[in-house]
Amino acid sequence: MNTDDESIEQAAGRDHVGSLLRGLGVLEILAAHPSGLTLSEMADKAGLTRAGARRFLLTLVASGYAVQDGRKFLLSSRLISVARTWLSGSSLWSFAEPFMRDLSQQLNESCSAAILADEDVVYVARVAGRRILSVALHVGTRLPAHCTAMGRVLLSDLPPAELQRFLASATIHANTPKTVTDRAELARLIGEAREQGYATLDEELELGLRSIAVPIRDRSGRIVAAINISTQSARHSVAGMERELLPGLRRAAASIENFFVVQ
């Protein structure tokens, strides 16, 4: 380590509050033991004297972050309230993006998330892959729901009457020669997406572009968004997307859904 590195490390050390770091360590230990710990158990696990552990635990009790039940100390619900406040102050998609970024890097493909807005999907998050597609996509982009994989996933959760109204009144046009415009066939494909839990799209939005999408559900099981992987048709067939991209996409969706559970 050179002199500059040592100076930076020493300056950082002077700015650290050792007692706070130890207190946070006690908090984390309590979190890992929801049934509670005695004073002696905490002292042993935190590497503290009994007197030191007692001061930290009683401070947590006094501040409302812990409760004492007989000889045991347990975390209180106040920490959950703090977490909820933090979560509510930020967009879900700021938490979802790291999972999407990991997936994009693993597959070397673009990953996007969208919600349904009238006849369109609206992009709420996007991680672009290294491979360039001609279609320009970014947060806020609107695309027709009928010819996107995410759109068909989102439409699959509509009540039957709402879906029927959509199919009867939506503006449905052909973006490419492969775009499905027959409303009965669209209804079949949307039903298929509902049954299998994902949708694929084969060059219906743009020639050379394929995509696969899965739903994001809230704690009640309702679909509130969808995420997809888009790729070039030369790289993946539809069967290849189902085999090689779908498992990772489903794992990412499950990770994102966890945030709905805690909110």
C-alpha atoms as a PDB file:
ATOM      1  CA  MET A   1       0.000   0.000   0.000  1.00  0.00           C
ATOM      2  CA  ASN A   2       1.473   3.387  -0.954  1.00  0.00           C
ATOM      3  CA  THR A   3       1.505   6.518   1.218  1.00  0.00           C
ATOM      4  CA  ASP A   4      -1.542   8.044  -0.505  1.00  0.00           C
ATOM      5  CA  ASP A   5      -3.583   4.894   0.109  1.00  0.00           C
ATOM      6  CA  GLU A   6      -2.566   4.840   3.773  1.00  0.00           C
ATOM      7  CA  SER A   7      -3.560   8.502   4.199  1.00  0.00           C
ATOM      8  CA  ILE A   8      -6.981   7.875   2.655  1.00  0.00           C
ATOM      9  CA  GLU A   9      -7.539   4.828   4.888  1.00  0.00           C
ATOM     10  CA  GLN A  10      -6.489   6.733   8.027  1.00  0.00           C
ATOM     11  CA  ALA A  11      -8.796   9.643   7.153  1.00  0.00           C
ATOM     12  CA  ALA A  12     -11.685   7.244   6.615  1.00  0.00           C
ATOM     13  CA  GLY A  13     -10.924   5.612   9.976  1.00  0.00           C
ATOM     14  CA  ARG A  14     -11.094   8.967  11.753  1.00  0.00           C
ATOM     15  CA  ASP A  15     -14.534   9.542  10.246  1.00  0.00           C
ATOM     16  CA  HIS A  16     -15.899   6.200  11.469  1.00  0.00           C
ATOM     17  CA  VAL A  17     -17.804   5.973  14.762  1.00  0.00           C
ATOM     18  CA  GLY A  18     -16.710   2.688  16.264  1.00  0.00           C
ATOM     19  CA  SER A  19     -19.570   2.455  18.747  1.00  0.00           C
ATOM     20  CA  LEU A  20     -22.111   2.941  15.939  1.00  0.00           C
ATOM     21  CA  LEU A  21     -20.494   0.170  13.901  1.00  0.00           C
ATOM     22  CA  ARG A  22     -20.656  -2.173  16.903  1.00  0.00           C
ATOM     23  CA  GLY A  23     -24.273  -1.161  17.557  1.00  0.00           C
ATOM     24  CA  LEU A  24     -25.214  -1.921  13.960  1.00  0.00           C
ATOM     25  CA  GLY A  25     -23.500  -5.277  14.375  1.00  0.00           C
ATOM     26  CA  VAL A  26     -25.693  -5.990  17.404  1.00  0.00           C
ATOM     27  CA  LEU A  27     -28.743  -4.997  15.353  1.00  0.00           C
ATOM     28  CA  GLU A  28     -27.773  -7.404  12.571  1.00  0.00           C
ATOM     29  CA  ILE A  29     -27.233 -10.234  15.054  1.00  0.00           C
ATOM     30  CA  LEU A  30     -30.699  -9.667  16.524  1.00  0.00           C
ATOM     31  CA  ALA A  31     -32.142  -9.686  13.005  1.00  0.00           C
ATOM     32  CA  ALA A  32     -30.559 -13.096  12.417  1.00  0.00           C
ATOM     33  CA  HIS A  33     -32.180 -14.468  15.593  1.00  0.00           C
ATOM     34  CA  PRO A  34     -35.893 -13.568  15.480  1.00  0.00           C
ATOM     35  CA  SER A  35     -36.637 -15.643  18.594  1.00  0.00           C
ATOM     36  CA  GLY A  36     -34.327 -13.381  20.594  1.00  0.00           C
ATOM     37  CA  LEU A  37     -31.029 -13.663  22.460  1.00  0.00           C
ATOM     38  CA  THR A  38     -30.013 -13.399  26.092  1.00  0.00           C
ATOM     39  CA  LEU A  39     -27.404 -10.909  27.230  1.00  0.00           C
ATOM     40  CA  SER A  40     -24.773 -13.635  27.468  1.00  0.00           C
ATOM     41  CA  GLU A  41     -25.604 -14.988  24.017  1.00  0.00           C
ATOM     42  CA  MET A  42     -25.316 -11.528  22.480  1.00  0.00           C
ATOM     43  CA  ALA A  43     -22.010 -10.834  24.213  1.00  0.00           C
ATOM     44  CA  ASP A  44     -20.643 -14.113  22.855  1.00  0.00           C
ATOM     45  CA  LYS A  45     -21.882 -13.615  19.292  1.00  0.00           C
ATOM     46  CA  ALA A  46     -20.870  -9.939  19.077  1.00  0.00           C
ATOM     47  CA  GLY A  47     -17.493 -10.405  20.764  1.00  0.00           C
ATOM     48  CA  LEU A  48     -18.411  -7.945  23.530  1.00  0.00           C
ATOM     49  CA  THR A  49     -18.210  -7.965  27.299  1.00  0.00           C
ATOM     50  CA  ARG A  50     -21.498  -8.532  29.094  1.00  0.00           C
ATOM     51  CA  ALA A  51     -21.436  -4.884  30.201  1.00  0.00           C
ATOM     52  CA  GLY A  52     -20.858  -3.686  26.625  1.00  0.00           C
ATOM     53  CA  ALA A  53     -23.574  -5.920  25.191  1.00  0.00           C
ATOM     54  CA  ARG A  54     -25.946  -4.720  27.914  1.00  0.00           C
ATOM     55  CA  ARG A  55     -25.384  -1.053  27.019  1.00  0.00           C
ATOM     56  CA  PHE A  56     -26.026  -1.675  23.314  1.00  0.00           C
ATOM     57  CA  LEU A  57     -29.140  -3.756  23.945  1.00  0.00           C
ATOM     58  CA  LEU A  58     -30.658  -1.331  26.440  1.00  0.00           C
ATOM     59  CA  THR A  59     -29.969   1.548  24.041  1.00  0.00           C
ATOM     60  CA  LEU A  60     -31.852  -0.324  21.308  1.00  0.00           C
ATOM     61  CA  VAL A  61     -34.719  -0.943  23.723  1.00  0.00           C
ATOM     62  CA  ALA A  62     -34.793   2.734  24.771  1.00  0.00           C
ATOM     63  CA  SER A  63     -34.869   3.868  21.129  1.00  0.00           C
ATOM     64  CA  GLY A  64     -37.653   1.436  20.258  1.00  0.00           C
ATOM     65  CA  TYR A  65     -35.649  -0.801  17.946  1.00  0.00           C
ATOM     66  CA  ALA A  66     -35.681  -3.743  20.360  1.00  0.00           C
ATOM     67  CA  VAL A  67     -37.833  -5.107  23.159  1.00  0.00           C
ATOM     68  CA  GLN A  68     -36.941  -7.083  26.253  1.00  0.00           C
ATOM     69  CA  ASP A  69     -38.988 -10.176  27.025  1.00  0.00           C
ATOM     70  CA  GLY A  70     -37.764 -11.699  30.261  1.00  0.00           C
ATOM     71  CA  ARG A  71     -34.099 -12.554  29.748  1.00  0.00           C
ATOM     72  CA  LYS A  72     -34.295 -12.262  25.969  1.00  0.00           C
ATOM     73  CA  PHE A  73     -33.908  -9.269  23.670  1.00  0.00           C
ATOM     74  CA  LEU A  74     -35.737  -9.164  20.328  1.00  0.00           C
ATOM     75  CA  LEU A  75     -36.021  -6.715  17.449  1.00  0.00           C
ATOM     76  CA  SER A  76     -39.179  -4.607  17.446  1.00  0.00           C
ATOM     77  CA  SER A  77     -41.353  -3.732  14.449  1.00  0.00           C
ATOM     78  CA  ARG A  78     -39.818  -0.246  14.294  1.00  0.00           C
ATOM     79  CA  LEU A  79     -37.079  -1.454  11.965  1.00  0.00           C
ATOM     80  CA  ILE A  80     -39.757  -2.707   9.556  1.00  0.00           C
ATOM     81  CA  SER A  81     -41.362   0.746   9.648  1.00  0.00           C
ATOM     82  CA  VAL A  82     -38.022   2.342   8.775  1.00  0.00           C
ATOM     83  CA  ALA A  83     -37.600  -0.096   5.880  1.00  0.00           C
ATOM     84  CA  ARG A  84     -41.112   0.629   4.621  1.00  0.00           C
ATOM     85  CA  THR A  85     -40.450   4.369   4.725  1.00  0.00           C
ATOM     86  CA  TRP A  86     -37.275   3.902   2.719  1.00  0.00           C
ATOM     87  CA  LEU A  87     -39.000   1.650   0.182  1.00  0.00           C
ATOM     88  CA  SER A  88     -41.969   3.978  -0.252  1.00  0.00           C
ATOM     89  CA  GLY A  89     -39.665   6.896  -1.008  1.00  0.00           C
ATOM     90  CA  SER A  90     -38.116   5.191  -4.018  1.00  0.00           C
ATOM     91  CA  SER A  91     -39.519   3.646  -7.144  1.00  0.00           C
ATOM     92  CA  LEU A  92     -39.817  -0.116  -7.186  1.00  0.00           C
ATOM     93  CA  TRP A  93     -37.879  -0.063 -10.432  1.00  0.00           C
ATOM     94  CA  SER A  94     -34.811   1.471  -8.798  1.00  0.00           C
ATOM     95  CA  PHE A  95     -34.692  -1.770  -6.791  1.00  0.00           C
ATOM     96  CA  ALA A  96     -35.584  -3.945  -9.769  1.00  0.00           C
ATOM     97  CA  GLU A  97     -32.857  -2.592 -12.043  1.00  0.00           C
ATOM     98  CA  PRO A  98     -29.957  -4.440 -10.349  1.00  0.00           C
ATOM     99  CA  PHE A  99     -31.703  -7.773 -10.979  1.00  0.00           C
ATOM    100  CA  MET A 100     -32.409  -6.741 -14.551  1.00  0.00           C
ATOM    101  CA  ARG A 101     -28.813  -5.595 -15.017  1.00  0.00           C
ATOM    102  CA  ASP A 102     -27.463  -8.909 -13.728  1.00  0.00           C
ATOM    103  CA  LEU A 103     -29.735 -10.800 -16.104  1.00  0.00           C
ATOM    104  CA  SER A 104     -28.765  -8.590 -19.041  1.00  0.00           C
ATOM    105  CA  GLN A 105     -25.070  -9.144 -18.339  1.00  0.00           C
ATOM    106  CA  GLN A 106     -25.489 -12.893 -17.930  1.00  0.00           C
ATOM    107  CA  LEU A 107     -27.329 -13.249 -21.230  1.00  0.00           C
ATOM    108  CA  ASN A 108     -25.711 -10.342 -23.089  1.00  0.00           C
ATOM    109  CA  GLU A 109     -29.179  -9.188 -24.132  1.00  0.00           C
ATOM    110  CA  SER A 110     -31.469  -6.243 -23.359  1.00  0.00           C
ATOM    111  CA  CYS A 111     -33.898  -6.451 -20.435  1.00  0.00           C
ATOM    112  CA  SER A 112     -36.917  -4.163 -20.045  1.00  0.00           C
ATOM    113  CA  ALA A 113     -39.931  -3.722 -17.789  1.00  0.00           C
ATOM    114  CA  ALA A 114     -43.285  -2.205 -18.707  1.00  0.00           C
ATOM    115  CA  ILE A 115     -46.788  -1.554 -17.425  1.00  0.00           C
ATOM    116  CA  LEU A 116     -50.084  -1.428 -19.310  1.00  0.00           C
ATOM    117  CA  ALA A 117     -51.530   1.985 -20.200  1.00  0.00           C
ATOM    118  CA  ASP A 118     -54.678   1.885 -22.313  1.00  0.00           C
ATOM    119  CA  GLU A 119     -53.716   0.213 -25.602  1.00  0.00           C
ATOM    120  CA  ASP A 120     -49.966   0.521 -25.031  1.00  0.00           C
ATOM    121  CA  VAL A 121     -47.197  -0.722 -22.809  1.00  0.00           C
ATOM    122  CA  VAL A 122     -45.062   1.972 -21.182  1.00  0.00           C
ATOM    123  CA  TYR A 123     -41.441   1.193 -20.367  1.00  0.00           C
ATOM    124  CA  VAL A 124     -40.644   1.817 -16.692  1.00  0.00           C
ATOM    125  CA  ALA A 125     -37.116   0.367 -16.651  1.00  0.00           C
ATOM    126  CA  ARG A 126     -34.609  -0.725 -19.244  1.00  0.00           C
ATOM    127  CA  VAL A 127     -31.113  -2.165 -19.299  1.00  0.00           C
ATOM    128  CA  ALA A 128     -29.725  -2.130 -22.818  1.00  0.00           C
ATOM    129  CA  GLY A 129     -27.588  -5.017 -23.999  1.00  0.00           C
ATOM    130  CA  ARG A 130     -24.382  -4.580 -25.924  1.00  0.00           C
ATOM    131  CA  ARG A 131     -25.985  -5.714 -29.135  1.00  0.00           C
ATOM    132  CA  ILE A 132     -27.614  -2.848 -30.964  1.00  0.00           C
ATOM    133  CA  LEU A 133     -31.192  -3.087 -32.217  1.00  0.00           C
ATOM    134  CA  SER A 134     -32.575  -0.474 -34.561  1.00  0.00           C
ATOM    135  CA  VAL A 135     -35.654   0.144 -32.409  1.00  0.00           C
ATOM    136  CA  ALA A 136     -34.918   2.968 -29.925  1.00  0.00           C
ATOM    137  CA  LEU A 137     -36.258   2.097 -26.482  1.00  0.00           C
ATOM    138  CA  HIS A 138     -35.973   3.957 -23.175  1.00  0.00           C
ATOM    139  CA  VAL A 139     -37.959   4.631 -20.010  1.00  0.00           C
ATOM    140  CA  GLY A 140     -41.240   6.255 -21.058  1.00  0.00           C
ATOM    141  CA  THR A 141     -41.351   4.615 -24.495  1.00  0.00           C
ATOM    142  CA  ARG A 142     -44.860   3.511 -25.509  1.00  0.00           C
ATOM    143  CA  LEU A 143     -45.434   0.556 -27.804  1.00  0.00           C
ATOM    144  CA  PRO A 144     -48.661  -1.154 -28.935  1.00  0.00           C
ATOM    145  CA  ALA A 145     -49.590  -3.828 -26.409  1.00  0.00           C
ATOM    146  CA  HIS A 146     -50.943  -6.190 -29.057  1.00  0.00           C
ATOM    147  CA  CYS A 147     -47.575  -6.715 -30.761  1.00  0.00           C
ATOM    148  CA  THR A 148     -45.216  -6.899 -27.777  1.00  0.00           C
ATOM    149  CA  ALA A 149     -44.507  -9.891 -25.570  1.00  0.00           C
ATOM    150  CA  MET A 150     -44.870  -7.766 -22.441  1.00  0.00           C
ATOM    151  CA  GLY A 151     -48.174  -6.415 -23.736  1.00  0.00           C
ATOM    152  CA  ARG A 152     -49.614  -9.886 -24.199  1.00  0.00           C
ATOM    153  CA  VAL A 153     -48.511 -10.895 -20.702  1.00  0.00           C
ATOM    154  CA  LEU A 154     -50.170  -7.796 -19.249  1.00  0.00           C
ATOM    155  CA  LEU A 155     -53.332  -8.267 -21.297  1.00  0.00           C
ATOM    156  CA  SER A 156     -53.565 -11.867 -20.121  1.00  0.00           C
ATOM    157  CA  ASP A 157     -54.484 -10.689 -16.622  1.00  0.00           C
ATOM    158  CA  LEU A 158     -57.411  -8.507 -17.704  1.00  0.00           C
ATOM    159  CA  PRO A 159     -60.884  -9.661 -16.661  1.00  0.00           C
ATOM    160  CA  PRO A 160     -62.634 -11.350 -19.628  1.00  0.00           C
ATOM    161  CA  ALA A 161     -64.985  -8.414 -20.225  1.00  0.00           C
ATOM    162  CA  GLU A 162     -62.109  -5.906 -20.272  1.00  0.00           C
ATOM    163  CA  LEU A 163     -60.064  -8.056 -22.619  1.00  0.00           C
ATOM    164  CA  GLN A 164     -63.047  -8.411 -24.912  1.00  0.00           C
ATOM    165  CA  ARG A 165     -63.463  -4.632 -25.007  1.00  0.00           C
ATOM    166  CA  PHE A 166     -59.766  -4.200 -25.751  1.00  0.00           C
ATOM    167  CA  LEU A 167     -59.869  -6.669 -28.632  1.00  0.00           C
ATOM    168  CA  ALA A 168     -63.005  -5.055 -30.034  1.00  0.00           C
ATOM    169  CA  SER A 169     -61.840  -1.434 -29.890  1.00  0.00           C
ATOM    170  CA  ALA A 170     -58.024  -1.348 -29.919  1.00  0.00           C
ATOM    171  CA  THR A 171     -56.197   0.052 -32.935  1.00  0.00           C
ATOM    172  CA  ILE A 172     -54.429  -3.006 -34.308  1.00  0.00           C
ATOM    173  CA  HIS A 173     -52.046  -2.511 -37.179  1.00  0.00           C
ATOM    174  CA  ALA A 174     -49.218  -4.463 -38.757  1.00  0.00           C
ATOM    175  CA  ASN A 175     -45.723  -3.275 -37.873  1.00  0.00           C
ATOM    176  CA  THR A 176     -44.206  -6.050 -39.985  1.00  0.00           C
ATOM    177  CA  PRO A 177     -45.543  -8.750 -42.312  1.00  0.00           C
ATOM    178  CA  LYS A 178     -45.446 -11.085 -39.281  1.00  0.00           C
ATOM    179  CA  THR A 179     -47.608  -8.962 -36.985  1.00  0.00           C
ATOM    180  CA  VAL A 180     -50.739 -10.789 -35.867  1.00  0.00           C
ATOM    181  CA  THR A 181     -53.705  -8.537 -36.588  1.00  0.00           C
ATOM    182  CA  ASP A 182     -56.532 -11.088 -36.518  1.00  0.00           C
ATOM    183  CA  ARG A 183     -58.376 -10.363 -33.261  1.00  0.00           C
ATOM    184  CA  ALA A 184     -59.444 -13.954 -32.700  1.00  0.00           C
ATOM    185  CA  GLU A 185     -55.837 -15.107 -33.067  1.00  0.00           C
ATOM    186  CA  LEU A 186     -54.700 -12.372 -30.689  1.00  0.00           C
ATOM    187  CA  ALA A 187     -57.227 -13.592 -28.141  1.00  0.00           C
ATOM    188  CA  ARG A 188     -55.809 -17.107 -28.511  1.00  0.00           C
ATOM    189  CA  LEU A 189     -52.220 -15.913 -28.044  1.00  0.00           C
ATOM    190  CA  ILE A 190     -53.155 -13.849 -24.979  1.00  0.00           C
ATOM    191  CA  GLY A 191     -54.944 -16.880 -23.536  1.00  0.00           C
ATOM    192  CA  GLU A 192     -51.848 -18.952 -24.230  1.00  0.00           C
ATOM    193  CA  ALA A 193     -49.726 -16.418 -22.346  1.00  0.00           C
ATOM    194  CA  ARG A 194     -52.128 -16.704 -19.402  1.00  0.00           C
ATOM    195  CA  GLU A 195     -51.902 -20.487 -19.374  1.00  0.00           C
ATOM    196  CA  GLN A 196     -48.143 -20.853 -19.745  1.00  0.00           C
ATOM    197  CA  GLY A 197     -47.085 -17.819 -17.705  1.00  0.00           C
ATOM    198  CA  TYR A 198     -45.027 -16.175 -20.441  1.00  0.00           C
ATOM    199  CA  ALA A 199     -45.292 -14.828 -23.982  1.00  0.00           C
ATOM    200  CA  THR A 200     -42.952 -14.864 -26.945  1.00  0.00           C
ATOM    201  CA  LEU A 201     -42.881 -12.531 -29.923  1.00  0.00           C
ATOM    202  CA  ASP A 202     -41.357 -13.407 -33.280  1.00  0.00           C
ATOM    203  CA  GLU A 203     -40.532 -10.332 -35.405  1.00  0.00           C
ATOM    204  CA  GLU A 204     -43.995  -8.800 -35.005  1.00  0.00           C
ATOM    205  CA  LEU A 205     -42.736  -5.468 -33.684  1.00  0.00           C
ATOM    206  CA  GLU A 206     -39.663  -5.241 -35.885  1.00  0.00           C
ATOM    207  CA  LEU A 207     -38.096  -7.654 -38.367  1.00  0.00           C
ATOM    208  CA  GLY A 208     -35.043  -9.289 -36.823  1.00  0.00           C
ATOM    209  CA  LEU A 209     -36.308  -8.751 -33.253  1.00  0.00           C
ATOM    210  CA  ARG A 210     -37.618 -11.491 -30.965  1.00  0.00           C
ATOM    211  CA  SER A 211     -38.583 -11.214 -27.320  1.00  0.00           C
ATOM    212  CA  ILE A 212     -39.875 -13.227 -24.394  1.00  0.00           C
ATOM    213  CA  ALA A 213     -41.691 -11.802 -21.366  1.00  0.00           C
ATOM    214  CA  VAL A 214     -42.957 -12.928 -17.960  1.00  0.00           C
ATOM    215  CA  PRO A 215     -45.263 -11.234 -15.448  1.00  0.00           C
ATOM    216  CA  ILE A 216     -44.451  -9.348 -12.257  1.00  0.00           C
ATOM    217  CA  ARG A 217     -47.152 -10.003  -9.653  1.00  0.00           C
ATOM    218  CA  ASP A 218     -48.024  -8.167  -6.455  1.00  0.00           C
ATOM    219  CA  ARG A 219     -48.774  -9.900  -3.159  1.00  0.00           C
ATOM    220  CA  SER A 220     -52.370 -10.612  -4.247  1.00  0.00           C
ATOM    221  CA  GLY A 221     -51.174 -12.406  -7.381  1.00  0.00           C
ATOM    222  CA  ARG A 222     -52.322  -9.660  -9.747  1.00  0.00           C
ATOM    223  CA  ILE A 223     -50.024  -8.847 -12.687  1.00  0.00           C
ATOM    224  CA  VAL A 224     -48.796  -5.274 -12.264  1.00  0.00           C
ATOM    225  CA  ALA A 225     -45.918  -5.254 -14.746  1.00  0.00           C
ATOM    226  CA  ALA A 226     -43.926  -7.466 -17.084  1.00  0.00           C
ATOM    227  CA  ILE A 227     -40.235  -7.877 -17.863  1.00  0.00           C
ATOM    228  CA  ASN A 228     -38.725  -9.164 -21.048  1.00  0.00           C
ATOM    229  CA  ILE A 229     -35.540 -10.128 -22.795  1.00  0.00           C
ATOM    230  CA  SER A 230     -35.247  -8.918 -26.385  1.00  0.00           C
ATOM    231  CA  THR A 231     -32.783 -10.434 -28.819  1.00  0.00           C
ATOM    232  CA  GLN A 232     -31.893 -10.614 -32.465  1.00  0.00           C
ATOM    233  CA  SER A 233     -33.587 -13.373 -34.433  1.00  0.00           C
ATOM    234  CA  ALA A 234     -30.176 -14.494 -35.709  1.00  0.00           C
ATOM    235  CA  ARG A 235     -29.107 -15.231 -32.124  1.00  0.00           C
ATOM    236  CA  HIS A 236     -32.102 -17.093 -30.729  1.00  0.00           C
ATOM    237  CA  SER A 237     -35.009 -19.019 -32.183  1.00  0.00           C
ATOM    238  CA  VAL A 238     -38.320 -18.939 -30.316  1.00  0.00           C
ATOM    239  CA  ALA A 239     -37.578 -22.399 -28.920  1.00  0.00           C
ATOM    240  CA  GLY A 240     -34.081 -21.216 -28.006  1.00  0.00           C
ATOM    241  CA  MET A 241     -35.509 -18.272 -26.040  1.00  0.00           C
ATOM    242  CA  GLU A 242     -37.786 -20.618 -24.115  1.00  0.00           C
ATOM    243  CA  ARG A 243     -34.902 -22.958 -23.378  1.00  0.00           C
ATOM    244  CA  GLU A 244     -32.044 -20.515 -22.736  1.00  0.00           C
ATOM    245  CA  LEU A 245     -33.606 -17.204 -21.658  1.00  0.00           C
ATOM    246  CA  LEU A 246     -36.830 -18.078 -19.861  1.00  0.00           C
ATOM    247  CA  PRO A 247     -35.357 -19.692 -16.703  1.00  0.00           C
ATOM    248  CA  GLY A 248     -33.198 -16.657 -15.867  1.00  0.00           C
ATOM    249  CA  LEU A 249     -36.033 -14.284 -16.724  1.00  0.00           C
ATOM    250  CA  ARG A 250     -38.329 -16.081 -14.295  1.00  0.00           C
ATOM    251  CA  ARG A 251     -35.709 -15.934 -11.539  1.00  0.00           C
ATOM    252  CA  ALA A 252     -35.291 -12.194 -12.031  1.00  0.00           C
ATOM    253  CA  ALA A 253     -39.068 -11.707 -11.929  1.00  0.00           C
ATOM    254  CA  ALA A 254     -39.285 -13.658  -8.673  1.00  0.00           C
ATOM    255  CA  SER A 255     -36.581 -11.457  -7.120  1.00  0.00           C
ATOM    256  CA  ILE A 256     -38.426  -8.285  -8.168  1.00  0.00           C
ATOM    257  CA  GLU A 257     -41.704  -9.638  -6.828  1.00  0.00           C
ATOM    258  CA  ASN A 258     -40.135  -9.929  -3.374  1.00  0.00           C
ATOM    259  CA  PHE A 259     -40.214  -6.121  -3.134  1.00  0.00           C
ATOM    260  CA  PHE A 260     -43.981  -6.156  -3.587  1.00  0.00           C
ATOM    261  CA  VAL A 261     -44.234  -8.586  -0.689  1.00  0.00           C
ATOM    262  CA  VAL A 262     -42.391  -6.319   1.767  1.00  0.00           C
ATOM    263  CA  GLN A 263     -44.051  -3.076   0.699  1.00  0.00           C
END
